[in-house]
Amino acid sequence: MQEFIATVEGEAARSEMRRMFHQTLSAWAMDVLELKRRELDRPGVRIAEQPAAPWKQAA
């Protein structure tokens, strides 16, 4: 009986690990696709855009 409980708990843990892995993998894939869309997936020189200060933004 103990072996069965350990197996069930192990399967639940394994299932949860798979779920977390796929969730992380899908977020990573979306990030990679966004970087490719912006052509930022290769090393190179880039000019940083300076964000406007909050108090200088138009109302």
PDB file of N, CA and C in Angstrom:
ATOM      1  N   MET A   1       0.822  -1.198   0.000  1.00  0.00           N
ATOM      2  CA  MET A   1       0.000   0.000   0.000  1.00  0.00           C
ATOM      3  C   MET A   1       0.866   1.261   0.000  1.00  0.00           C
ATOM      4  N   GLN A   2       1.950   1.266   0.780  1.00  0.00           N
ATOM      5  CA  GLN A   2       2.840   2.430   0.843  1.00  0.00           C
ATOM      6  C   GLN A   2       3.459   2.715  -0.524  1.00  0.00           C
ATOM      7  N   GLU A   3       3.812   1.653  -1.252  1.00  0.00           N
ATOM      8  CA  GLU A   3       4.398   1.829  -2.577  1.00  0.00           C
ATOM      9  C   GLU A   3       3.409   2.494  -3.525  1.00  0.00           C
ATOM     10  N   PHE A   4       2.140   2.113  -3.416  1.00  0.00           N
ATOM     11  CA  PHE A   4       1.102   2.703  -4.264  1.00  0.00           C
ATOM     12  C   PHE A   4       0.954   4.199  -3.961  1.00  0.00           C
ATOM     13  N   ILE A   5       0.940   4.567  -2.682  1.00  0.00           N
ATOM     14  CA  ILE A   5       0.807   5.975  -2.282  1.00  0.00           C
ATOM     15  C   ILE A   5       2.008   6.766  -2.771  1.00  0.00           C
ATOM     16  N   ALA A   6       3.198   6.203  -2.617  1.00  0.00           N
ATOM     17  CA  ALA A   6       4.406   6.889  -3.086  1.00  0.00           C
ATOM     18  C   ALA A   6       4.360   7.078  -4.597  1.00  0.00           C
ATOM     19  N   THR A   7       3.856   6.075  -5.318  1.00  0.00           N
ATOM     20  CA  THR A   7       3.755   6.178  -6.773  1.00  0.00           C
ATOM     21  C   THR A   7       2.757   7.264  -7.172  1.00  0.00           C
ATOM     22  N   VAL A   8       1.617   7.309  -6.497  1.00  0.00           N
ATOM     23  CA  VAL A   8       0.599   8.317  -6.802  1.00  0.00           C
ATOM     24  C   VAL A   8       1.146   9.716  -6.510  1.00  0.00           C
ATOM     25  N   GLU A   9       1.815   9.888  -5.368  1.00  0.00           N
ATOM     26  CA  GLU A   9       2.402  11.190  -5.032  1.00  0.00           C
ATOM     27  C   GLU A   9       3.492  11.572  -6.024  1.00  0.00           C
ATOM     28  N   GLY A  10       4.281  10.576  -6.431  1.00  0.00           N
ATOM     29  CA  GLY A  10       5.336  10.826  -7.416  1.00  0.00           C
ATOM     30  C   GLY A  10       4.763  11.242  -8.755  1.00  0.00           C
ATOM     31  N   GLU A  11       3.689  10.596  -9.161  1.00  0.00           N
ATOM     32  CA  GLU A  11       3.040  10.952 -10.428  1.00  0.00           C
ATOM     33  C   GLU A  11       2.445  12.356 -10.367  1.00  0.00           C
ATOM     34  N   ALA A  12       1.860  12.711  -9.228  1.00  0.00           N
ATOM     35  CA  ALA A  12       1.304  14.060  -9.076  1.00  0.00           C
ATOM     36  C   ALA A  12       2.409  15.102  -9.151  1.00  0.00           C
ATOM     37  N   ALA A  13       3.523  14.828  -8.493  1.00  0.00           N
ATOM     38  CA  ALA A  13       4.650  15.764  -8.530  1.00  0.00           C
ATOM     39  C   ALA A  13       5.202  15.869  -9.948  1.00  0.00           C
ATOM     40  N   ARG A  14       5.328  14.745 -10.624  1.00  0.00           N
ATOM     41  CA  ARG A  14       5.843  14.739 -11.993  1.00  0.00           C
ATOM     42  C   ARG A  14       4.914  15.514 -12.926  1.00  0.00           C
ATOM     43  N   SER A  15       3.611  15.326 -12.737  1.00  0.00           N
ATOM     44  CA  SER A  15       2.625  16.042 -13.549  1.00  0.00           C
ATOM     45  C   SER A  15       2.726  17.552 -13.320  1.00  0.00           C
ATOM     46  N   GLU A  16       2.905  17.953 -12.068  1.00  0.00           N
ATOM     47  CA  GLU A  16       3.043  19.377 -11.745  1.00  0.00           C
ATOM     48  C   GLU A  16       4.334  19.942 -12.347  1.00  0.00           C
ATOM     49  N   MET A  17       5.408  19.177 -12.298  1.00  0.00           N
ATOM     50  CA  MET A  17       6.672  19.633 -12.899  1.00  0.00           C
ATOM     51  C   MET A  17       6.522  19.805 -14.402  1.00  0.00           C
ATOM     52  N   ARG A  18       5.842  18.880 -15.055  1.00  0.00           N
ATOM     53  CA  ARG A  18       5.611  19.001 -16.506  1.00  0.00           C
ATOM     54  C   ARG A  18       4.794  20.251 -16.823  1.00  0.00           C
ATOM     55  N   ARG A  19       3.762  20.511 -16.010  1.00  0.00           N
ATOM     56  CA  ARG A  19       2.918  21.689 -16.220  1.00  0.00           C
ATOM     57  C   ARG A  19       3.746  22.969 -16.090  1.00  0.00           C
ATOM     58  N   MET A  20       4.581  23.040 -15.050  1.00  0.00           N
ATOM     59  CA  MET A  20       5.407  24.234 -14.853  1.00  0.00           C
ATOM     60  C   MET A  20       6.426  24.393 -15.987  1.00  0.00           C
ATOM     61  N   PHE A  21       7.011  23.273 -16.434  1.00  0.00           N
ATOM     62  CA  PHE A  21       7.978  23.321 -17.531  1.00  0.00           C
ATOM     63  C   PHE A  21       7.324  23.848 -18.803  1.00  0.00           C
ATOM     64  N   HIS A  22       6.147  23.332 -19.137  1.00  0.00           N
ATOM     65  CA  HIS A  22       5.469  23.774 -20.361  1.00  0.00           C
ATOM     66  C   HIS A  22       5.036  25.233 -20.264  1.00  0.00           C
ATOM     67  N   GLN A  23       4.636  25.658 -19.082  1.00  0.00           N
ATOM     68  CA  GLN A  23       4.259  27.059 -18.898  1.00  0.00           C
ATOM     69  C   GLN A  23       5.475  27.964 -19.118  1.00  0.00           C
ATOM     70  N   THR A  24       6.608  27.574 -18.553  1.00  0.00           N
ATOM     71  CA  THR A  24       7.836  28.352 -18.712  1.00  0.00           C
ATOM     72  C   THR A  24       8.303  28.321 -20.157  1.00  0.00           C
ATOM     73  N   LEU A  25       8.242  27.149 -20.767  1.00  0.00           N
ATOM     74  CA  LEU A  25       8.674  27.008 -22.162  1.00  0.00           C
ATOM     75  C   LEU A  25       7.826  27.864 -23.082  1.00  0.00           C
ATOM     76  N   SER A  26       6.523  27.909 -22.867  1.00  0.00           N
ATOM     77  CA  SER A  26       5.671  28.702 -23.752  1.00  0.00           C
ATOM     78  C   SER A  26       5.954  30.191 -23.580  1.00  0.00           C
ATOM     79  N   ALA A  27       6.205  30.650 -22.342  1.00  0.00           N
ATOM     80  CA  ALA A  27       6.553  32.060 -22.127  1.00  0.00           C
ATOM     81  C   ALA A  27       7.885  32.376 -22.796  1.00  0.00           C
ATOM     82  N   TRP A  28       8.854  31.475 -22.678  1.00  0.00           N
ATOM     83  CA  TRP A  28      10.155  31.675 -23.299  1.00  0.00           C
ATOM     84  C   TRP A  28      10.012  31.746 -24.819  1.00  0.00           C
ATOM     85  N   ALA A  29       9.221  30.860 -25.392  1.00  0.00           N
ATOM     86  CA  ALA A  29       9.027  30.847 -26.843  1.00  0.00           C
ATOM     87  C   ALA A  29       8.389  32.152 -27.312  1.00  0.00           C
ATOM     88  N   MET A  30       7.423  32.671 -26.566  1.00  0.00           N
ATOM     89  CA  MET A  30       6.793  33.938 -26.948  1.00  0.00           C
ATOM     90  C   MET A  30       7.819  35.077 -26.894  1.00  0.00           C
ATOM     91  N   ASP A  31       8.700  35.059 -25.889  1.00  0.00           N
ATOM     92  CA  ASP A  31       9.744  36.080 -25.798  1.00  0.00           C
ATOM     93  C   ASP A  31      10.698  35.997 -26.984  1.00  0.00           C
ATOM     94  N   VAL A  32      11.088  34.776 -27.342  1.00  0.00           N
ATOM     95  CA  VAL A  32      12.002  34.598 -28.481  1.00  0.00           C
ATOM     96  C   VAL A  32      11.350  35.095 -29.768  1.00  0.00           C
ATOM     97  N   LEU A  33      10.090  34.776 -29.973  1.00  0.00           N
ATOM     98  CA  LEU A  33       9.404  35.225 -31.185  1.00  0.00           C
ATOM     99  C   LEU A  33       9.300  36.750 -31.232  1.00  0.00           C
ATOM    100  N   GLU A  34       9.063  37.366 -30.091  1.00  0.00           N
ATOM    101  CA  GLU A  34       8.995  38.833 -30.043  1.00  0.00           C
ATOM    102  C   GLU A  34      10.363  39.445 -30.352  1.00  0.00           C
ATOM    103  N   LEU A  35      11.427  38.874 -29.832  1.00  0.00           N
ATOM    104  CA  LEU A  35      12.774  39.363 -30.138  1.00  0.00           C
ATOM    105  C   LEU A  35      13.069  39.215 -31.631  1.00  0.00           C
ATOM    106  N   LYS A  36      12.666  38.097 -32.220  1.00  0.00           N
ATOM    107  CA  LYS A  36      12.872  37.916 -33.669  1.00  0.00           C
ATOM    108  C   LYS A  36      12.064  38.934 -34.462  1.00  0.00           C
ATOM    109  N   ARG A  37      10.834  39.187 -34.031  1.00  0.00           N
ATOM    110  CA  ARG A  37       9.988  40.159 -34.735  1.00  0.00           C
ATOM    111  C   ARG A  37      10.636  41.542 -34.725  1.00  0.00           C
ATOM    112  N   ARG A  38      11.267  41.889 -33.626  1.00  0.00           N
ATOM    113  CA  ARG A  38      11.936  43.193 -33.508  1.00  0.00           C
ATOM    114  C   ARG A  38      13.358  43.179 -34.034  1.00  0.00           C
ATOM    115  N   GLU A  39      13.777  42.032 -34.574  1.00  0.00           N
ATOM    116  CA  GLU A  39      15.134  41.833 -35.092  1.00  0.00           C
ATOM    117  C   GLU A  39      16.176  42.087 -34.013  1.00  0.00           C
ATOM    118  N   LEU A  40      15.895  41.636 -32.797  1.00  0.00           N
ATOM    119  CA  LEU A  40      16.822  41.778 -31.683  1.00  0.00           C
ATOM    120  C   LEU A  40      17.376  40.414 -31.244  1.00  0.00           C
ATOM    121  N   ASP A  41      17.263  39.438 -32.124  1.00  0.00           N
ATOM    122  CA  ASP A  41      17.709  38.092 -31.778  1.00  0.00           C
ATOM    123  C   ASP A  41      19.165  37.827 -32.153  1.00  0.00           C
ATOM    124  N   ARG A  42      19.849  38.826 -32.685  1.00  0.00           N
ATOM    125  CA  ARG A  42      21.255  38.686 -33.039  1.00  0.00           C
ATOM    126  C   ARG A  42      22.063  39.776 -32.360  1.00  0.00           C
ATOM    127  N   PRO A  43      23.301  39.479 -31.975  1.00  0.00           N
ATOM    128  CA  PRO A  43      24.131  40.512 -31.357  1.00  0.00           C
ATOM    129  C   PRO A  43      24.432  41.627 -32.349  1.00  0.00           C
ATOM    130  N   GLY A  44      24.569  42.820 -31.856  1.00  0.00           N
ATOM    131  CA  GLY A  44      24.896  43.948 -32.714  1.00  0.00           C
ATOM    132  C   GLY A  44      24.827  45.249 -31.930  1.00  0.00           C
ATOM    133  N   VAL A  45      25.284  46.303 -32.570  1.00  0.00           N
ATOM    134  CA  VAL A  45      25.255  47.618 -31.949  1.00  0.00           C
ATOM    135  C   VAL A  45      23.845  48.180 -32.073  1.00  0.00           C
ATOM    136  N   ARG A  46      23.347  48.678 -30.963  1.00  0.00           N
ATOM    137  CA  ARG A  46      22.005  49.263 -30.955  1.00  0.00           C
ATOM    138  C   ARG A  46      22.065  50.615 -30.276  1.00  0.00           C
ATOM    139  N   ILE A  47      21.271  51.522 -30.766  1.00  0.00           N
ATOM    140  CA  ILE A  47      21.175  52.839 -30.153  1.00  0.00           C
ATOM    141  C   ILE A  47      19.995  52.797 -29.197  1.00  0.00           C
ATOM    142  N   ALA A  48      20.269  53.041 -27.921  1.00  0.00           N
ATOM    143  CA  ALA A  48      19.207  52.991 -26.917  1.00  0.00           C
ATOM    144  C   ALA A  48      18.344  54.237 -27.032  1.00  0.00           C
ATOM    145  N   GLU A  49      17.048  54.013 -26.992  1.00  0.00           N
ATOM    146  CA  GLU A  49      16.117  55.139 -26.988  1.00  0.00           C
ATOM    147  C   GLU A  49      15.936  55.596 -25.555  1.00  0.00           C
ATOM    148  N   GLN A  50      16.019  56.893 -25.335  1.00  0.00           N
ATOM    149  CA  GLN A  50      15.835  57.444 -23.999  1.00  0.00           C
ATOM    150  C   GLN A  50      14.346  57.657 -23.759  1.00  0.00           C
ATOM    151  N   PRO A  51      13.781  56.985 -22.764  1.00  0.00           N
ATOM    152  CA  PRO A  51      12.365  57.216 -22.479  1.00  0.00           C
ATOM    153  C   PRO A  51      12.165  58.622 -21.916  1.00  0.00           C
ATOM    154  N   ALA A  52      11.045  59.222 -22.255  1.00  0.00           N
ATOM    155  CA  ALA A  52      10.736  60.563 -21.748  1.00  0.00           C
ATOM    156  C   ALA A  52      10.481  60.479 -20.255  1.00  0.00           C
ATOM    157  N   ALA A  53      10.957  61.502 -19.561  1.00  0.00           N
ATOM    158  CA  ALA A  53      10.713  61.574 -18.120  1.00  0.00           C
ATOM    159  C   ALA A  53       9.216  61.745 -17.888  1.00  0.00           C
ATOM    160  N   PRO A  54       8.660  61.110 -16.857  1.00  0.00           N
ATOM    161  CA  PRO A  54       7.208  61.184 -16.619  1.00  0.00           C
ATOM    162  C   PRO A  54       6.691  62.615 -16.516  1.00  0.00           C
ATOM    163  N   TRP A  55       7.472  63.527 -15.961  1.00  0.00           N
ATOM    164  CA  TRP A  55       7.004  64.904 -15.788  1.00  0.00           C
ATOM    165  C   TRP A  55       7.104  65.707 -17.067  1.00  0.00           C
ATOM    166  N   LYS A  56       7.755  65.160 -18.112  1.00  0.00           N
ATOM    167  CA  LYS A  56       7.895  65.879 -19.379  1.00  0.00           C
ATOM    168  C   LYS A  56       6.937  65.360 -20.446  1.00  0.00           C
ATOM    169  N   GLN A  57       6.136  64.366 -20.130  1.00  0.00           N
ATOM    170  CA  GLN A  57       5.217  63.824 -21.123  1.00  0.00           C
ATOM    171  C   GLN A  57       4.056  64.774 -21.336  1.00  0.00           C
ATOM    172  N   ALA A  58       3.567  64.790 -22.571  1.00  0.00           N
ATOM    173  CA  ALA A  58       2.451  65.648 -22.884  1.00  0.00           C
ATOM    174  C   ALA A  58       1.196  65.181 -22.163  1.00  0.00           C
ATOM    175  N   ALA A  59       0.386  66.131 -21.781  1.00  0.00           N
ATOM    176  CA  ALA A  59      -0.844  65.783 -21.046  1.00  0.00           C
ATOM    177  C   ALA A  59      -1.956  65.406 -21.987  1.00  0.00           C
TER     178      ALA A  59
END
